[in-house]
N, C-alpha and C. Protein backbone atom coordinates (compact mmCIF):
# COMPACT_ATOMS: atom_id res chain seq x y z
N MET A 1 0.85 -1.18 0.00
CA MET A 1 0.00 0.00 0.00
C MET A 1 0.89 1.24 0.00
N ASP A 2 1.61 1.47 1.07
CA ASP A 2 2.48 2.64 1.12
C ASP A 2 3.78 2.32 1.84
N GLY A 3 4.15 1.07 1.88
CA GLY A 3 5.41 0.68 2.50
C GLY A 3 5.32 0.30 3.96
N HIS A 4 4.18 0.47 4.59
CA HIS A 4 4.00 0.09 5.99
C HIS A 4 3.21 -1.21 6.03
N SER A 5 3.84 -2.26 6.55
CA SER A 5 3.17 -3.55 6.65
C SER A 5 2.18 -3.56 7.80
N LEU A 6 1.02 -4.13 7.56
CA LEU A 6 0.01 -4.29 8.61
C LEU A 6 0.15 -5.64 9.33
N VAL A 7 1.06 -6.50 8.87
CA VAL A 7 1.19 -7.84 9.44
C VAL A 7 1.49 -7.80 10.94
N PRO A 8 2.47 -7.00 11.42
CA PRO A 8 2.72 -6.99 12.87
C PRO A 8 1.49 -6.57 13.68
N LEU A 9 0.71 -5.67 13.16
CA LEU A 9 -0.51 -5.23 13.84
C LEU A 9 -1.52 -6.37 13.88
N LEU A 10 -1.69 -7.06 12.77
CA LEU A 10 -2.65 -8.16 12.69
C LEU A 10 -2.23 -9.35 13.56
N GLN A 11 -0.92 -9.55 13.70
CA GLN A 11 -0.42 -10.65 14.52
C GLN A 11 -0.33 -10.29 16.00
N GLY A 12 -0.62 -9.06 16.34
CA GLY A 12 -0.58 -8.64 17.73
C GLY A 12 0.80 -8.25 18.23
N ALA A 13 1.79 -8.20 17.34
CA ALA A 13 3.14 -7.82 17.74
C ALA A 13 3.25 -6.31 17.98
N GLU A 14 2.37 -5.54 17.38
CA GLU A 14 2.32 -4.09 17.59
C GLU A 14 0.92 -3.70 18.02
N ALA A 15 0.86 -2.66 18.85
CA ALA A 15 -0.44 -2.23 19.38
C ALA A 15 -1.14 -1.23 18.47
N ARG A 16 -0.37 -0.54 17.62
CA ARG A 16 -0.99 0.45 16.74
C ARG A 16 -0.34 0.41 15.37
N SER A 17 -1.10 0.82 14.40
CA SER A 17 -0.64 0.83 13.01
C SER A 17 0.42 1.90 12.81
N ALA A 18 1.32 1.64 11.89
CA ALA A 18 2.32 2.65 11.52
C ALA A 18 1.70 3.75 10.67
N HIS A 19 0.48 3.53 10.22
CA HIS A 19 -0.23 4.52 9.40
C HIS A 19 -0.89 5.54 10.31
N GLU A 20 -0.53 6.79 10.15
CA GLU A 20 -1.24 7.84 10.89
C GLU A 20 -2.59 8.09 10.23
N PHE A 21 -2.59 8.06 8.91
CA PHE A 21 -3.83 8.27 8.15
C PHE A 21 -4.08 7.06 7.26
N LEU A 22 -5.33 6.73 7.11
CA LEU A 22 -5.74 5.67 6.20
C LEU A 22 -6.90 6.23 5.38
N PHE A 23 -6.77 6.15 4.06
CA PHE A 23 -7.76 6.73 3.17
C PHE A 23 -8.66 5.63 2.64
N HIS A 24 -9.95 5.84 2.72
CA HIS A 24 -10.95 4.84 2.34
C HIS A 24 -11.54 5.21 0.98
N TYR A 25 -11.27 4.37 0.01
CA TYR A 25 -11.77 4.60 -1.35
C TYR A 25 -12.90 3.64 -1.68
N CYS A 26 -13.80 4.11 -2.49
CA CYS A 26 -14.81 3.27 -3.13
C CYS A 26 -14.54 3.46 -4.62
N GLY A 27 -13.96 2.45 -5.25
CA GLY A 27 -13.51 2.63 -6.62
C GLY A 27 -12.44 3.71 -6.65
N GLN A 28 -12.63 4.71 -7.48
CA GLN A 28 -11.65 5.79 -7.57
C GLN A 28 -12.03 7.00 -6.71
N HIS A 29 -13.09 6.88 -5.95
CA HIS A 29 -13.61 8.00 -5.17
C HIS A 29 -13.22 7.88 -3.70
N LEU A 30 -12.61 8.93 -3.17
CA LEU A 30 -12.27 8.97 -1.74
C LEU A 30 -13.55 9.23 -0.96
N HIS A 31 -13.93 8.29 -0.13
CA HIS A 31 -15.15 8.43 0.66
C HIS A 31 -14.88 8.85 2.09
N ALA A 32 -13.75 8.43 2.66
CA ALA A 32 -13.50 8.72 4.07
C ALA A 32 -12.01 8.69 4.33
N ALA A 33 -11.63 9.22 5.48
CA ALA A 33 -10.24 9.17 5.93
C ALA A 33 -10.23 8.93 7.43
N ARG A 34 -9.30 8.09 7.86
CA ARG A 34 -9.17 7.77 9.28
C ARG A 34 -7.85 8.34 9.79
N TRP A 35 -7.89 8.94 10.98
CA TRP A 35 -6.69 9.53 11.60
C TRP A 35 -6.49 8.90 12.96
N HIS A 36 -5.37 8.19 13.11
CA HIS A 36 -4.99 7.66 14.42
C HIS A 36 -4.06 8.69 15.04
N GLN A 37 -4.64 9.53 15.86
CA GLN A 37 -3.92 10.66 16.44
C GLN A 37 -2.79 10.14 17.32
N ARG A 38 -1.56 10.50 16.97
CA ARG A 38 -0.38 9.96 17.64
C ARG A 38 -0.28 10.36 19.11
N ASP A 39 -0.69 11.54 19.45
CA ASP A 39 -0.51 12.03 20.83
C ASP A 39 -1.70 11.71 21.73
N SER A 40 -2.62 10.88 21.25
CA SER A 40 -3.75 10.47 22.09
C SER A 40 -4.21 9.09 21.65
N GLY A 41 -5.16 8.54 22.33
CA GLY A 41 -5.70 7.24 21.94
C GLY A 41 -6.84 7.35 20.95
N SER A 42 -7.14 8.55 20.52
CA SER A 42 -8.29 8.74 19.63
C SER A 42 -8.01 8.26 18.21
N VAL A 43 -9.02 7.65 17.63
CA VAL A 43 -8.99 7.28 16.22
C VAL A 43 -10.21 7.94 15.60
N TRP A 44 -9.95 8.95 14.78
CA TRP A 44 -11.03 9.73 14.17
C TRP A 44 -11.29 9.22 12.76
N LYS A 45 -12.54 9.27 12.35
CA LYS A 45 -12.88 8.94 10.97
C LYS A 45 -13.82 10.00 10.43
N VAL A 46 -13.45 10.52 9.28
CA VAL A 46 -14.22 11.58 8.62
C VAL A 46 -14.80 11.00 7.34
N HIS A 47 -16.12 11.07 7.21
CA HIS A 47 -16.81 10.59 6.01
C HIS A 47 -17.18 11.80 5.15
N TYR A 48 -16.69 11.79 3.91
CA TYR A 48 -17.05 12.83 2.95
C TYR A 48 -18.22 12.38 2.08
N THR A 49 -18.31 11.08 1.85
CA THR A 49 -19.36 10.50 1.02
C THR A 49 -19.76 9.16 1.62
N THR A 50 -21.05 8.88 1.65
CA THR A 50 -21.53 7.58 2.11
C THR A 50 -22.58 7.07 1.13
N PRO A 51 -22.69 5.73 1.00
CA PRO A 51 -23.75 5.20 0.14
C PRO A 51 -25.11 5.39 0.79
N GLN A 52 -26.12 5.48 -0.03
CA GLN A 52 -27.49 5.52 0.48
C GLN A 52 -27.94 4.07 0.63
N PHE A 53 -27.99 3.62 1.88
CA PHE A 53 -28.30 2.22 2.14
C PHE A 53 -29.73 1.90 1.73
N HIS A 54 -29.91 0.64 1.34
CA HIS A 54 -31.21 0.20 0.87
C HIS A 54 -31.53 -1.16 1.46
N PRO A 55 -32.63 -1.33 2.13
CA PRO A 55 -33.58 -0.28 2.49
C PRO A 55 -32.97 0.69 3.50
N GLU A 56 -33.56 1.86 3.60
CA GLU A 56 -33.05 2.91 4.46
C GLU A 56 -32.86 2.38 5.89
N GLY A 57 -31.69 2.69 6.46
CA GLY A 57 -31.39 2.27 7.82
C GLY A 57 -30.83 0.87 7.94
N ALA A 58 -30.69 0.16 6.81
CA ALA A 58 -30.23 -1.23 6.85
C ALA A 58 -28.74 -1.36 7.11
N GLY A 59 -27.96 -0.33 6.82
CA GLY A 59 -26.52 -0.42 6.98
C GLY A 59 -25.83 -1.17 5.86
N ALA A 60 -26.56 -1.43 4.78
CA ALA A 60 -26.01 -2.12 3.62
C ALA A 60 -26.90 -1.82 2.41
N CYS A 61 -26.50 -2.30 1.26
CA CYS A 61 -27.25 -2.05 0.04
C CYS A 61 -27.92 -3.33 -0.43
N TYR A 62 -28.80 -3.87 0.38
CA TYR A 62 -29.52 -5.09 0.03
C TYR A 62 -30.40 -4.82 -1.19
N GLY A 63 -30.45 -5.76 -2.06
CA GLY A 63 -31.29 -5.63 -3.24
C GLY A 63 -30.60 -4.92 -4.39
N ARG A 64 -29.49 -4.27 -4.13
CA ARG A 64 -28.75 -3.58 -5.19
C ARG A 64 -27.55 -4.39 -5.65
N GLY A 65 -27.16 -5.36 -4.88
CA GLY A 65 -25.97 -6.14 -5.20
C GLY A 65 -24.73 -5.51 -4.59
N VAL A 66 -24.45 -4.27 -4.98
CA VAL A 66 -23.28 -3.56 -4.50
C VAL A 66 -23.67 -2.11 -4.23
N CYS A 67 -23.13 -1.55 -3.16
CA CYS A 67 -23.38 -0.13 -2.90
C CYS A 67 -22.68 0.70 -3.97
N PRO A 68 -23.31 1.74 -4.48
CA PRO A 68 -22.67 2.58 -5.49
C PRO A 68 -21.58 3.45 -4.87
N CYS A 69 -20.64 3.84 -5.71
CA CYS A 69 -19.53 4.71 -5.27
C CYS A 69 -19.77 6.16 -5.64
N SER A 70 -20.65 6.40 -6.59
CA SER A 70 -20.89 7.77 -7.05
C SER A 70 -22.30 7.86 -7.60
N GLY A 71 -22.66 9.06 -8.00
CA GLY A 71 -23.96 9.28 -8.62
C GLY A 71 -25.07 9.47 -7.61
N GLU A 72 -26.27 9.12 -8.03
CA GLU A 72 -27.46 9.36 -7.21
C GLU A 72 -27.54 8.43 -6.00
N GLY A 73 -26.75 7.37 -5.97
CA GLY A 73 -26.82 6.41 -4.87
C GLY A 73 -25.93 6.74 -3.69
N VAL A 74 -25.31 7.94 -3.69
CA VAL A 74 -24.45 8.33 -2.57
C VAL A 74 -24.87 9.69 -2.05
N THR A 75 -24.47 9.97 -0.82
CA THR A 75 -24.70 11.27 -0.21
C THR A 75 -23.35 11.92 0.07
N HIS A 76 -23.17 13.15 -0.41
CA HIS A 76 -21.95 13.92 -0.13
C HIS A 76 -22.23 14.77 1.10
N HIS A 77 -21.36 14.67 2.09
CA HIS A 77 -21.59 15.36 3.36
C HIS A 77 -20.77 16.65 3.44
N ARG A 78 -21.46 17.75 3.56
CA ARG A 78 -20.84 19.07 3.74
C ARG A 78 -21.59 19.78 4.84
N PRO A 79 -21.06 19.86 6.03
CA PRO A 79 -19.72 19.41 6.43
C PRO A 79 -19.67 17.88 6.52
N PRO A 80 -18.45 17.33 6.51
CA PRO A 80 -18.32 15.88 6.59
C PRO A 80 -18.77 15.33 7.94
N LEU A 81 -19.07 14.04 7.96
CA LEU A 81 -19.42 13.36 9.21
C LEU A 81 -18.14 13.02 9.96
N LEU A 82 -18.16 13.19 11.27
CA LEU A 82 -17.00 12.87 12.11
C LEU A 82 -17.39 11.85 13.16
N PHE A 83 -16.54 10.83 13.32
CA PHE A 83 -16.73 9.80 14.34
C PHE A 83 -15.44 9.62 15.11
N ASP A 84 -15.54 9.31 16.39
CA ASP A 84 -14.39 8.91 17.20
C ASP A 84 -14.50 7.40 17.36
N LEU A 85 -13.74 6.66 16.57
CA LEU A 85 -13.84 5.21 16.56
C LEU A 85 -13.40 4.58 17.88
N SER A 86 -12.60 5.31 18.67
CA SER A 86 -12.19 4.76 19.97
C SER A 86 -13.37 4.75 20.95
N ARG A 87 -14.35 5.61 20.73
CA ARG A 87 -15.55 5.64 21.59
C ARG A 87 -16.79 5.10 20.90
N ASP A 88 -16.79 5.09 19.58
CA ASP A 88 -17.97 4.68 18.80
C ASP A 88 -17.51 3.84 17.60
N PRO A 89 -17.04 2.61 17.85
CA PRO A 89 -16.48 1.80 16.75
C PRO A 89 -17.48 1.44 15.66
N SER A 90 -18.76 1.47 15.96
CA SER A 90 -19.76 1.13 14.94
C SER A 90 -20.20 2.34 14.12
N GLU A 91 -19.63 3.50 14.42
CA GLU A 91 -19.95 4.73 13.70
C GLU A 91 -21.45 5.00 13.72
N ALA A 92 -22.03 4.87 14.89
CA ALA A 92 -23.48 5.05 15.04
C ALA A 92 -23.87 6.47 15.40
N ARG A 93 -22.92 7.25 15.98
CA ARG A 93 -23.26 8.59 16.47
C ARG A 93 -22.28 9.62 15.91
N PRO A 94 -22.65 10.29 14.82
CA PRO A 94 -21.76 11.33 14.29
C PRO A 94 -21.61 12.47 15.29
N LEU A 95 -20.40 12.98 15.37
CA LEU A 95 -20.11 14.09 16.28
C LEU A 95 -20.43 15.42 15.61
N THR A 96 -20.69 16.41 16.42
CA THR A 96 -20.99 17.76 15.94
C THR A 96 -20.08 18.74 16.68
N PRO A 97 -20.02 19.98 16.22
CA PRO A 97 -19.24 20.97 16.98
C PRO A 97 -19.77 21.14 18.40
N ASP A 98 -21.05 20.91 18.61
CA ASP A 98 -21.62 21.02 19.96
C ASP A 98 -21.25 19.85 20.85
N SER A 99 -21.12 18.65 20.26
CA SER A 99 -20.84 17.46 21.08
C SER A 99 -19.35 17.15 21.18
N GLU A 100 -18.52 17.70 20.30
CA GLU A 100 -17.09 17.42 20.32
C GLU A 100 -16.30 18.72 20.20
N PRO A 101 -15.62 19.13 21.29
CA PRO A 101 -14.86 20.38 21.27
C PRO A 101 -13.75 20.42 20.20
N LEU A 102 -13.21 19.25 19.82
CA LEU A 102 -12.13 19.20 18.84
C LEU A 102 -12.63 19.06 17.40
N TYR A 103 -13.94 19.15 17.21
CA TYR A 103 -14.55 18.90 15.90
C TYR A 103 -13.83 19.67 14.79
N HIS A 104 -13.75 20.97 14.89
CA HIS A 104 -13.17 21.79 13.81
C HIS A 104 -11.69 21.49 13.61
N ALA A 105 -10.95 21.27 14.70
CA ALA A 105 -9.52 20.97 14.59
C ALA A 105 -9.31 19.62 13.89
N VAL A 106 -10.11 18.63 14.23
CA VAL A 106 -9.98 17.31 13.61
C VAL A 106 -10.34 17.38 12.13
N ILE A 107 -11.45 18.02 11.80
CA ILE A 107 -11.86 18.16 10.40
C ILE A 107 -10.77 18.86 9.60
N ALA A 108 -10.17 19.91 10.17
CA ALA A 108 -9.12 20.65 9.47
C ALA A 108 -7.87 19.78 9.28
N ARG A 109 -7.47 19.04 10.31
CA ARG A 109 -6.26 18.21 10.22
C ARG A 109 -6.44 17.09 9.20
N VAL A 110 -7.57 16.42 9.24
CA VAL A 110 -7.83 15.34 8.29
C VAL A 110 -7.96 15.92 6.88
N GLY A 111 -8.61 17.07 6.75
CA GLY A 111 -8.71 17.72 5.44
C GLY A 111 -7.35 18.05 4.86
N ALA A 112 -6.42 18.52 5.70
CA ALA A 112 -5.06 18.82 5.24
C ALA A 112 -4.36 17.54 4.79
N ALA A 113 -4.56 16.45 5.53
CA ALA A 113 -3.94 15.17 5.15
C ALA A 113 -4.51 14.66 3.83
N VAL A 114 -5.81 14.83 3.62
CA VAL A 114 -6.44 14.42 2.36
C VAL A 114 -5.85 15.24 1.22
N SER A 115 -5.68 16.53 1.43
CA SER A 115 -5.10 17.39 0.40
C SER A 115 -3.67 16.96 0.07
N GLU A 116 -2.86 16.69 1.10
CA GLU A 116 -1.49 16.20 0.89
C GLU A 116 -1.52 14.88 0.12
N HIS A 117 -2.39 13.99 0.52
CA HIS A 117 -2.51 12.68 -0.13
C HIS A 117 -2.85 12.85 -1.61
N ARG A 118 -3.80 13.71 -1.91
CA ARG A 118 -4.21 13.90 -3.31
C ARG A 118 -3.07 14.44 -4.17
N HIS A 119 -2.18 15.22 -3.58
CA HIS A 119 -1.03 15.74 -4.34
C HIS A 119 -0.03 14.65 -4.67
N THR A 120 -0.09 13.51 -3.99
CA THR A 120 0.84 12.42 -4.28
C THR A 120 0.31 11.50 -5.38
N LEU A 121 -0.93 11.69 -5.79
CA LEU A 121 -1.54 10.82 -6.79
C LEU A 121 -1.23 11.31 -8.20
N SER A 122 -1.07 10.38 -9.11
CA SER A 122 -0.90 10.74 -10.51
C SER A 122 -1.82 9.86 -11.35
N PRO A 123 -2.31 10.40 -12.45
CA PRO A 123 -3.25 9.63 -13.28
C PRO A 123 -2.57 8.39 -13.87
N VAL A 124 -3.35 7.35 -14.04
CA VAL A 124 -2.87 6.13 -14.68
C VAL A 124 -3.80 5.83 -15.85
N PRO A 125 -3.32 5.08 -16.82
CA PRO A 125 -4.20 4.73 -17.95
C PRO A 125 -5.39 3.92 -17.46
N GLN A 126 -6.51 4.11 -18.13
CA GLN A 126 -7.73 3.37 -17.81
C GLN A 126 -7.47 1.88 -18.03
N GLN A 127 -7.64 1.09 -16.98
CA GLN A 127 -7.36 -0.34 -17.06
C GLN A 127 -8.48 -1.12 -17.75
N PHE A 128 -9.68 -0.59 -17.75
CA PHE A 128 -10.81 -1.31 -18.32
C PHE A 128 -11.34 -0.63 -19.59
N SER A 129 -10.45 -0.02 -20.35
CA SER A 129 -10.87 0.57 -21.61
C SER A 129 -11.20 -0.56 -22.59
N THR A 130 -11.87 -0.22 -23.67
CA THR A 130 -12.26 -1.24 -24.65
C THR A 130 -11.05 -2.00 -25.15
N SER A 131 -9.96 -1.31 -25.44
CA SER A 131 -8.78 -2.00 -25.97
C SER A 131 -8.13 -2.90 -24.92
N ASN A 132 -8.33 -2.61 -23.65
CA ASN A 132 -7.73 -3.44 -22.60
C ASN A 132 -8.57 -4.65 -22.22
N ILE A 133 -9.87 -4.62 -22.51
CA ILE A 133 -10.70 -5.76 -22.11
C ILE A 133 -10.93 -6.75 -23.25
N LEU A 134 -10.53 -6.38 -24.48
CA LEU A 134 -10.66 -7.31 -25.60
C LEU A 134 -9.66 -8.45 -25.45
N TRP A 135 -10.06 -9.64 -25.85
CA TRP A 135 -9.17 -10.79 -25.80
C TRP A 135 -8.04 -10.59 -26.78
N LYS A 136 -6.83 -10.84 -26.34
CA LYS A 136 -5.64 -10.69 -27.18
C LYS A 136 -4.96 -12.05 -27.25
N PRO A 137 -5.26 -12.83 -28.28
CA PRO A 137 -4.72 -14.19 -28.34
C PRO A 137 -3.20 -14.23 -28.34
N TRP A 138 -2.54 -13.21 -28.85
CA TRP A 138 -1.08 -13.19 -28.89
C TRP A 138 -0.45 -13.02 -27.50
N LEU A 139 -1.28 -12.69 -26.50
CA LEU A 139 -0.78 -12.58 -25.14
C LEU A 139 -1.05 -13.84 -24.31
N GLN A 140 -1.72 -14.83 -24.90
CA GLN A 140 -2.05 -16.06 -24.19
C GLN A 140 -0.87 -17.03 -24.29
N PRO A 141 -0.75 -17.96 -23.35
CA PRO A 141 0.32 -18.96 -23.45
C PRO A 141 0.19 -19.73 -24.76
N CYS A 142 1.31 -19.97 -25.40
CA CYS A 142 1.31 -20.66 -26.68
C CYS A 142 2.45 -21.66 -26.67
N CYS A 143 2.13 -22.95 -26.83
CA CYS A 143 3.16 -23.98 -26.81
C CYS A 143 3.79 -24.19 -28.19
N GLY A 144 3.09 -23.78 -29.24
CA GLY A 144 3.61 -23.93 -30.59
C GLY A 144 4.03 -22.58 -31.12
N HIS A 145 3.78 -22.37 -32.40
CA HIS A 145 4.08 -21.09 -33.03
C HIS A 145 2.77 -20.40 -33.35
N PHE A 146 2.60 -19.18 -32.84
CA PHE A 146 1.36 -18.44 -33.04
C PHE A 146 1.14 -18.26 -34.53
N PRO A 147 -0.03 -18.41 -35.05
CA PRO A 147 -1.30 -18.66 -34.38
C PRO A 147 -1.63 -20.15 -34.26
N PHE A 148 -0.65 -21.03 -34.49
CA PHE A 148 -0.91 -22.47 -34.44
C PHE A 148 -0.49 -23.03 -33.08
N CYS A 149 -1.14 -22.57 -32.05
CA CYS A 149 -0.83 -23.02 -30.69
C CYS A 149 -1.43 -24.40 -30.48
N SER A 150 -0.60 -25.29 -29.98
CA SER A 150 -1.08 -26.64 -29.69
C SER A 150 -0.38 -27.11 -28.43
N CYS A 151 -1.13 -27.19 -27.35
CA CYS A 151 -0.56 -27.62 -26.07
C CYS A 151 -1.19 -28.94 -25.67
N HIS A 152 -0.41 -29.78 -25.06
CA HIS A 152 -0.90 -31.03 -24.50
C HIS A 152 -0.60 -31.00 -23.01
N GLU A 153 -1.40 -31.69 -22.23
CA GLU A 153 -1.19 -31.68 -20.79
C GLU A 153 -0.49 -32.95 -20.35
N ASP A 154 0.47 -32.79 -19.41
CA ASP A 154 1.08 -33.94 -18.77
C ASP A 154 0.06 -34.56 -17.83
N GLY A 155 0.40 -35.66 -17.21
CA GLY A 155 -0.49 -36.32 -16.28
C GLY A 155 -0.89 -35.45 -15.11
N ASP A 156 -0.04 -34.47 -14.75
CA ASP A 156 -0.37 -33.61 -13.61
C ASP A 156 -1.17 -32.38 -14.02
N GLY A 157 -1.53 -32.29 -15.29
CA GLY A 157 -2.37 -31.18 -15.74
C GLY A 157 -1.61 -29.97 -16.22
N THR A 158 -0.25 -30.00 -16.18
CA THR A 158 0.51 -28.84 -16.63
C THR A 158 0.74 -28.95 -18.14
N PRO A 159 0.61 -27.82 -18.85
CA PRO A 159 0.80 -27.87 -20.30
C PRO A 159 2.26 -28.15 -20.64
N ARG A 160 2.47 -28.82 -21.74
CA ARG A 160 3.83 -29.04 -22.23
C ARG A 160 3.82 -28.86 -23.74
N MET A 161 4.98 -28.55 -24.27
CA MET A 161 5.08 -28.38 -25.71
C MET A 161 5.09 -29.75 -26.38
N PRO A 162 4.46 -29.86 -27.56
CA PRO A 162 4.47 -31.13 -28.27
C PRO A 162 5.90 -31.57 -28.57
N GLY A 163 6.17 -32.85 -28.47
CA GLY A 163 7.49 -33.39 -28.76
C GLY A 163 8.40 -33.43 -27.56
N LEU A 164 7.98 -32.88 -26.42
CA LEU A 164 8.84 -32.91 -25.23
C LEU A 164 8.37 -33.97 -24.26
């Protein structure tokens, strides 16, 4: 991901992730960012976009197959939703400036991290363009000479070239 292995954290060898920020994407769209504040035990999560669950209140997109990442099936939050995962791990109670004194400071810090993160991104070619999803026989394994590919399987199911 970014050079920091999560294995020690998952194995219990470390108590906290080496990631100060973790960015949550849905497809190519940044939906949320998590901040594990180094000088406290707080883990903040800011949601910029959330799917519109179906049926409403279900916490999932039943009947749709997959929750959408963009378009009419999502809600953009302005201001964003803020949760303290150390106190509310299920993200059931969004914080407000009235309920959380650090609300504006956390939103600003996470917003700055998102901005820094976006500056590190560079465009890549579309992986699912028409030319990339078409079958390209010349890129398939060929035991003979293209286009006359002829493979036979050994007893273990692995292909071998004829005559070997």
